[in-house]
Amino acid sequence: MPLSPQAQRLDTAEPGNWYWTRGSRGFFRQIAWSPDGESFLTRSFFSYDRDDLWLVPADGGRPERLVEGVIDFGWTPNGETVVASTRRGRTQGVGVLAISIEEGWKRQLAPPTATDLSTFPGSV
């Protein structure tokens, strides 16, 4: 696959970024292909408290960071929107965000709350 140099560097901080890994509370998805197969979402380790979500074109185009602090993510069936559970730091709570790939908007579906991650959907 002809990934751009920027996309290939997403895994330099943590080689496990390209694999499904098992965390302390379950499996963490690393890649989700778009319904049309033209791009994929991937998480990239940024720091101990933060993974970032990236949109990577399969044609070798430059990747785009969609959101910081991602927990889990997925595409809507039509491939126009990404939905992600997110958090900022370990104590600022968990929220749900929708991101329009076509139109570029971001919309908070559920504001961050002080939620125990072990009970939040998508976190285990």
C-alpha atoms as a PDB file:
ATOM      1  CA  MET A   1       0.000   0.000   0.000  1.00  0.00           C
ATOM      2  CA  PRO A   2       1.511   3.380  -0.983  1.00  0.00           C
ATOM      3  CA  LEU A   3       1.263   5.207   2.348  1.00  0.00           C
ATOM      4  CA  SER A   4       2.691   8.698   2.557  1.00  0.00           C
ATOM      5  CA  PRO A   5       5.901   9.228   4.566  1.00  0.00           C
ATOM      6  CA  GLN A   6       3.810  11.085   7.177  1.00  0.00           C
ATOM      7  CA  ALA A   7       1.500   8.073   7.564  1.00  0.00           C
ATOM      8  CA  GLN A   8       4.432   5.702   7.829  1.00  0.00           C
ATOM      9  CA  ARG A   9       5.868   7.816  10.660  1.00  0.00           C
ATOM     10  CA  LEU A  10       2.691   7.495  12.756  1.00  0.00           C
ATOM     11  CA  ASP A  11       4.043   4.244  14.168  1.00  0.00           C
ATOM     12  CA  THR A  12       7.509   5.488  15.093  1.00  0.00           C
ATOM     13  CA  ALA A  13       6.592   6.429  18.674  1.00  0.00           C
ATOM     14  CA  GLU A  14       5.062   3.016  19.299  1.00  0.00           C
ATOM     15  CA  PRO A  15       5.384   0.144  16.753  1.00  0.00           C
ATOM     16  CA  GLY A  16       2.228  -1.429  18.188  1.00  0.00           C
ATOM     17  CA  ASN A  17       0.175   1.425  16.698  1.00  0.00           C
ATOM     18  CA  TRP A  18      -0.530  -0.676  13.599  1.00  0.00           C
ATOM     19  CA  TYR A  19      -1.756  -3.758  15.457  1.00  0.00           C
ATOM     20  CA  TRP A  20      -4.682  -4.826  17.592  1.00  0.00           C
ATOM     21  CA  THR A  21      -3.333  -4.765  21.115  1.00  0.00           C
ATOM     22  CA  ARG A  22      -4.589  -6.006  24.415  1.00  0.00           C
ATOM     23  CA  GLY A  23      -4.742  -3.381  27.113  1.00  0.00           C
ATOM     24  CA  SER A  24      -5.468  -3.877  30.771  1.00  0.00           C
ATOM     25  CA  ARG A  25      -9.225  -3.682  30.153  1.00  0.00           C
ATOM     26  CA  GLY A  26      -9.559  -5.396  26.786  1.00  0.00           C
ATOM     27  CA  PHE A  27      -8.663  -5.157  23.117  1.00  0.00           C
ATOM     28  CA  PHE A  28      -8.071  -1.761  21.554  1.00  0.00           C
ATOM     29  CA  ARG A  29      -8.863  -1.440  17.870  1.00  0.00           C
ATOM     30  CA  GLN A  30      -6.035   0.123  15.921  1.00  0.00           C
ATOM     31  CA  ILE A  31      -7.415   0.320  12.359  1.00  0.00           C
ATOM     32  CA  ALA A  32     -10.926   0.785  10.932  1.00  0.00           C
ATOM     33  CA  TRP A  33     -11.312   0.871   7.142  1.00  0.00           C
ATOM     34  CA  SER A  34     -13.821   3.299   5.654  1.00  0.00           C
ATOM     35  CA  PRO A  35     -16.876   1.675   4.050  1.00  0.00           C
ATOM     36  CA  ASP A  36     -15.599   2.666   0.577  1.00  0.00           C
ATOM     37  CA  GLY A  37     -12.104   1.283   1.273  1.00  0.00           C
ATOM     38  CA  GLU A  38     -10.404   4.551   0.292  1.00  0.00           C
ATOM     39  CA  SER A  39      -9.043   5.422   3.746  1.00  0.00           C
ATOM     40  CA  PHE A  40      -8.742   4.104   7.257  1.00  0.00           C
ATOM     41  CA  LEU A  41      -8.755   5.378  10.817  1.00  0.00           C
ATOM     42  CA  THR A  42      -5.883   4.552  13.108  1.00  0.00           C
ATOM     43  CA  ARG A  43      -4.845   5.491  16.599  1.00  0.00           C
ATOM     44  CA  SER A  44      -1.335   6.694  17.284  1.00  0.00           C
ATOM     45  CA  PHE A  45       0.275   6.771  20.693  1.00  0.00           C
ATOM     46  CA  PHE A  46       1.163  10.331  21.659  1.00  0.00           C
ATOM     47  CA  SER A  47       1.797  10.119  25.380  1.00  0.00           C
ATOM     48  CA  TYR A  48       0.971   7.885  28.319  1.00  0.00           C
ATOM     49  CA  ASP A  49      -2.387   9.635  28.743  1.00  0.00           C
ATOM     50  CA  ARG A  50      -3.263  10.231  25.097  1.00  0.00           C
ATOM     51  CA  ASP A  51      -3.764   8.390  21.812  1.00  0.00           C
ATOM     52  CA  ASP A  52      -4.648  10.484  18.762  1.00  0.00           C
ATOM     53  CA  LEU A  53      -7.043   9.453  15.986  1.00  0.00           C
ATOM     54  CA  TRP A  54      -5.827   9.843  12.386  1.00  0.00           C
ATOM     55  CA  LEU A  55      -7.533   9.574   9.012  1.00  0.00           C
ATOM     56  CA  VAL A  56      -5.110   7.958   6.544  1.00  0.00           C
ATOM     57  CA  PRO A  57      -5.841   7.956   2.794  1.00  0.00           C
ATOM     58  CA  ALA A  58      -5.042   4.601   1.159  1.00  0.00           C
ATOM     59  CA  ASP A  59      -3.797   6.352  -2.003  1.00  0.00           C
ATOM     60  CA  GLY A  60      -0.681   7.740  -0.334  1.00  0.00           C
ATOM     61  CA  GLY A  61      -2.164  11.102   0.661  1.00  0.00           C
ATOM     62  CA  ARG A  62      -1.171  12.930   3.806  1.00  0.00           C
ATOM     63  CA  PRO A  63      -2.805  11.706   7.060  1.00  0.00           C
ATOM     64  CA  GLU A  64      -4.999  14.066   9.057  1.00  0.00           C
ATOM     65  CA  ARG A  65      -5.272  14.123  12.849  1.00  0.00           C
ATOM     66  CA  LEU A  66      -8.983  14.083  13.656  1.00  0.00           C
ATOM     67  CA  VAL A  67      -9.003  14.164  17.445  1.00  0.00           C
ATOM     68  CA  GLU A  68      -6.743  13.897  20.479  1.00  0.00           C
ATOM     69  CA  GLY A  69      -7.411  11.576  23.389  1.00  0.00           C
ATOM     70  CA  VAL A  70      -9.330   8.851  21.542  1.00  0.00           C
ATOM     71  CA  ILE A  71     -10.576   5.761  23.370  1.00  0.00           C
ATOM     72  CA  ASP A  72     -12.546   4.007  20.619  1.00  0.00           C
ATOM     73  CA  PHE A  73     -13.790   4.954  17.158  1.00  0.00           C
ATOM     74  CA  GLY A  74     -15.805   3.834  14.154  1.00  0.00           C
ATOM     75  CA  TRP A  75     -17.449   4.911  10.913  1.00  0.00           C
ATOM     76  CA  THR A  76     -21.112   5.547  10.282  1.00  0.00           C
ATOM     77  CA  PRO A  77     -22.442   3.118   7.649  1.00  0.00           C
ATOM     78  CA  ASN A  78     -22.372   5.766   4.888  1.00  0.00           C
ATOM     79  CA  GLY A  79     -18.706   6.594   5.624  1.00  0.00           C
ATOM     80  CA  GLU A  80     -19.350  10.326   5.945  1.00  0.00           C
ATOM     81  CA  THR A  81     -18.917  10.601   9.713  1.00  0.00           C
ATOM     82  CA  VAL A  82     -16.614   9.187  12.361  1.00  0.00           C
ATOM     83  CA  VAL A  83     -17.835   8.695  15.925  1.00  0.00           C
ATOM     84  CA  ALA A  84     -15.259   8.555  18.696  1.00  0.00           C
ATOM     85  CA  SER A  85     -15.225   8.302  22.446  1.00  0.00           C
ATOM     86  CA  THR A  86     -12.600  10.672  23.793  1.00  0.00           C
ATOM     87  CA  ARG A  87     -10.999  11.840  26.985  1.00  0.00           C
ATOM     88  CA  ARG A  88      -8.615  14.556  28.061  1.00  0.00           C
ATOM     89  CA  GLY A  89      -6.141  13.251  30.590  1.00  0.00           C
ATOM     90  CA  ARG A  90      -6.924  10.586  33.127  1.00  0.00           C
ATOM     91  CA  THR A  91      -9.291  12.655  35.276  1.00  0.00           C
ATOM     92  CA  GLN A  92     -11.287  14.913  32.968  1.00  0.00           C
ATOM     93  CA  GLY A  93     -13.950  12.438  31.956  1.00  0.00           C
ATOM     94  CA  VAL A  94     -15.115  10.749  28.783  1.00  0.00           C
ATOM     95  CA  GLY A  95     -17.206  12.209  25.966  1.00  0.00           C
ATOM     96  CA  VAL A  96     -18.510  11.223  22.533  1.00  0.00           C
ATOM     97  CA  LEU A  97     -17.658  13.224  19.431  1.00  0.00           C
ATOM     98  CA  ALA A  98     -18.943  13.054  15.829  1.00  0.00           C
ATOM     99  CA  ILE A  99     -16.607  14.232  13.059  1.00  0.00           C
ATOM    100  CA  SER A 100     -17.840  14.891   9.523  1.00  0.00           C
ATOM    101  CA  ILE A 101     -15.218  13.777   7.017  1.00  0.00           C
ATOM    102  CA  GLU A 102     -16.970  15.439   4.069  1.00  0.00           C
ATOM    103  CA  GLU A 103     -17.927  18.763   5.677  1.00  0.00           C
ATOM    104  CA  GLY A 104     -15.200  19.096   8.316  1.00  0.00           C
ATOM    105  CA  TRP A 105     -17.392  19.823  11.346  1.00  0.00           C
ATOM    106  CA  LYS A 106     -17.004  18.312  14.813  1.00  0.00           C
ATOM    107  CA  ARG A 107     -20.002  17.931  17.109  1.00  0.00           C
ATOM    108  CA  GLN A 108     -20.030  16.885  20.759  1.00  0.00           C
ATOM    109  CA  LEU A 109     -22.682  14.164  21.149  1.00  0.00           C
ATOM    110  CA  ALA A 110     -22.069  13.609  24.850  1.00  0.00           C
ATOM    111  CA  PRO A 111     -20.020  16.040  26.924  1.00  0.00           C
ATOM    112  CA  PRO A 112     -17.122  14.765  29.005  1.00  0.00           C
ATOM    113  CA  THR A 113     -18.247  13.468  32.371  1.00  0.00           C
ATOM    114  CA  ALA A 114     -16.413  12.012  35.317  1.00  0.00           C
ATOM    115  CA  THR A 115     -17.083   8.451  34.215  1.00  0.00           C
ATOM    116  CA  ASP A 116     -15.279   5.348  35.348  1.00  0.00           C
ATOM    117  CA  LEU A 117     -13.684   4.129  32.088  1.00  0.00           C
ATOM    118  CA  SER A 118     -14.407   0.507  32.935  1.00  0.00           C
ATOM    119  CA  THR A 119     -18.164   1.203  32.600  1.00  0.00           C
ATOM    120  CA  PHE A 120     -18.076   3.485  29.535  1.00  0.00           C
ATOM    121  CA  PRO A 121     -19.115   1.867  26.205  1.00  0.00           C
ATOM    122  CA  GLY A 122     -16.193   1.329  23.870  1.00  0.00           C
ATOM    123  CA  SER A 123     -13.553   1.540  26.581  1.00  0.00           C
ATOM    124  CA  VAL A 124     -13.267  -2.202  27.225  1.00  0.00           C
END
